[in-house]
Amino acid sequence: MAGWFELGNSSDGQFRFVLKAGNAETILTSELYKSKDSAENGIASVQSNSADASRYEKKESSNGKSYFTLKAANHQVIGTSQMYASAASRDAGIASVQANGQTSTVKVGA
């Protein structure tokens, strides 16, 4: 099964989206957006940037866990991954976003 985006509201009324892999695991989480249109533009940005390996920034948190961000051409962060126990797991997460990020399926949630 292919991945999909879930678009929904945060507790303060703003919008965010997540990219889910085919197994329903969240692989990328967006920043908060003030409007639904802006969040939809963020999804379009993931769709157009996710295949490009140069758009990913590999990072390590202060507790030693690995994660990544996906950036647009203007270097603005589009989404952030979960924390991974290893760099290899993080790299597999990047591969999953590359494989699923171009999906056109968007599910609207709460």
Protein backbone atom coordinates (compact mmCIF):
# COMPACT_ATOMS: atom_id res chain seq x y z
CA MET A 1 0.00 0.00 0.00
CA ALA A 2 1.23 3.47 -0.87
CA GLY A 3 1.63 6.28 1.61
CA TRP A 4 -0.66 9.27 2.12
CA PHE A 5 -0.91 12.67 3.72
CA GLU A 6 -3.22 13.40 6.65
CA LEU A 7 -4.29 17.02 6.98
CA GLY A 8 -5.85 18.14 10.23
CA ASN A 9 -6.21 20.77 12.93
CA SER A 10 -3.99 21.17 15.95
CA SER A 11 -5.48 21.85 19.38
CA ASP A 12 -5.13 25.63 18.88
CA GLY A 13 -7.01 25.67 15.55
CA GLN A 14 -3.96 25.80 13.30
CA PHE A 15 -3.34 23.21 10.58
CA ARG A 16 -0.67 20.57 10.16
CA PHE A 17 -0.10 17.55 8.01
CA VAL A 18 1.73 14.29 8.42
CA LEU A 19 3.04 11.95 5.76
CA LYS A 20 2.24 8.32 6.50
CA ALA A 21 4.01 5.31 5.01
CA GLY A 22 2.01 2.41 3.60
CA ASN A 23 2.12 0.73 7.02
CA ALA A 24 0.42 3.84 8.56
CA GLU A 25 3.57 4.92 10.41
CA THR A 26 4.16 8.69 10.47
CA ILE A 27 7.36 9.46 8.58
CA LEU A 28 7.21 13.27 8.33
CA THR A 29 5.41 15.95 10.36
CA SER A 30 4.87 19.52 9.20
CA GLU A 31 5.16 22.77 11.05
CA LEU A 32 1.92 24.51 12.10
CA TYR A 33 0.10 26.64 9.51
CA LYS A 34 -2.45 29.38 10.18
CA SER A 35 -4.64 28.40 7.23
CA LYS A 36 -5.69 25.21 5.48
CA ASP A 37 -4.49 26.66 2.15
CA SER A 38 -1.01 27.15 3.58
CA ALA A 39 -0.92 23.56 4.85
CA GLU A 40 -2.04 22.34 1.42
CA ASN A 41 0.81 24.36 -0.12
CA GLY A 42 3.14 22.59 2.32
CA ILE A 43 1.89 19.22 1.07
CA ALA A 44 2.54 20.35 -2.51
CA SER A 45 6.05 21.34 -1.47
CA VAL A 46 6.70 17.86 -0.03
CA GLN A 47 5.36 16.33 -3.23
CA SER A 48 7.77 18.39 -5.35
CA ASN A 49 10.85 18.21 -3.09
CA SER A 50 10.75 14.73 -1.52
CA ALA A 51 12.49 12.90 -4.37
CA ASP A 52 15.54 15.22 -4.26
CA ALA A 53 18.20 13.83 -1.90
CA SER A 54 19.81 17.26 -1.56
CA ARG A 55 16.67 18.58 0.17
CA TYR A 56 17.27 16.44 3.28
CA GLU A 57 19.32 17.62 6.22
CA LYS A 58 20.54 14.81 8.46
CA LYS A 59 20.74 15.83 12.11
CA GLU A 60 21.49 14.49 15.56
CA SER A 61 19.64 15.61 18.69
CA SER A 62 21.32 16.47 21.98
CA ASN A 63 20.44 13.00 23.31
CA GLY A 64 22.24 11.31 20.41
CA LYS A 65 19.18 10.28 18.42
CA SER A 66 19.15 10.83 14.67
CA TYR A 67 16.49 12.68 12.68
CA PHE A 68 16.12 14.67 9.48
CA THR A 69 14.37 17.68 8.04
CA LEU A 70 13.04 18.12 4.52
CA LYS A 71 13.64 21.59 3.09
CA ALA A 72 12.21 23.47 0.14
CA ALA A 73 14.37 25.13 -2.52
CA ASN A 74 14.34 28.32 -0.41
CA HIS A 75 15.87 26.31 2.50
CA GLN A 76 12.71 26.59 4.60
CA VAL A 77 11.86 23.46 6.59
CA ILE A 78 8.78 21.70 5.23
CA GLY A 79 8.74 18.79 7.65
CA THR A 80 10.65 16.97 10.38
CA SER A 81 11.02 13.26 11.02
CA GLN A 82 10.62 11.31 14.21
CA MET A 83 13.68 10.50 16.31
CA TYR A 84 15.57 7.37 15.29
CA ALA A 85 17.88 5.22 17.42
CA SER A 86 20.51 5.04 14.67
CA ALA A 87 21.73 6.87 11.59
CA ALA A 88 20.86 3.81 9.50
CA SER A 89 17.23 3.95 10.70
CA ARG A 90 17.14 7.68 9.91
CA ASP A 91 18.44 7.00 6.41
CA ALA A 92 15.71 4.37 5.93
CA GLY A 93 13.20 7.05 7.02
CA ILE A 94 14.54 9.39 4.33
CA ALA A 95 14.17 6.61 1.75
CA SER A 96 10.56 6.11 2.90
CA VAL A 97 9.77 9.82 2.47
CA GLN A 98 11.39 9.73 -0.97
CA ALA A 99 9.23 6.72 -1.89
CA ASN A 100 5.94 8.02 -0.40
CA GLY A 101 6.24 11.81 -0.59
CA GLN A 102 4.91 12.20 -4.10
CA THR A 103 1.57 10.58 -3.33
CA SER A 104 -1.50 12.57 -4.32
CA THR A 105 -3.65 10.96 -1.61
CA VAL A 106 -4.66 13.46 1.08
CA LYS A 107 -6.99 12.41 3.89
CA VAL A 108 -8.61 15.21 5.86
CA GLY A 109 -8.80 14.48 9.58
CA ALA A 110 -10.09 16.27 12.65
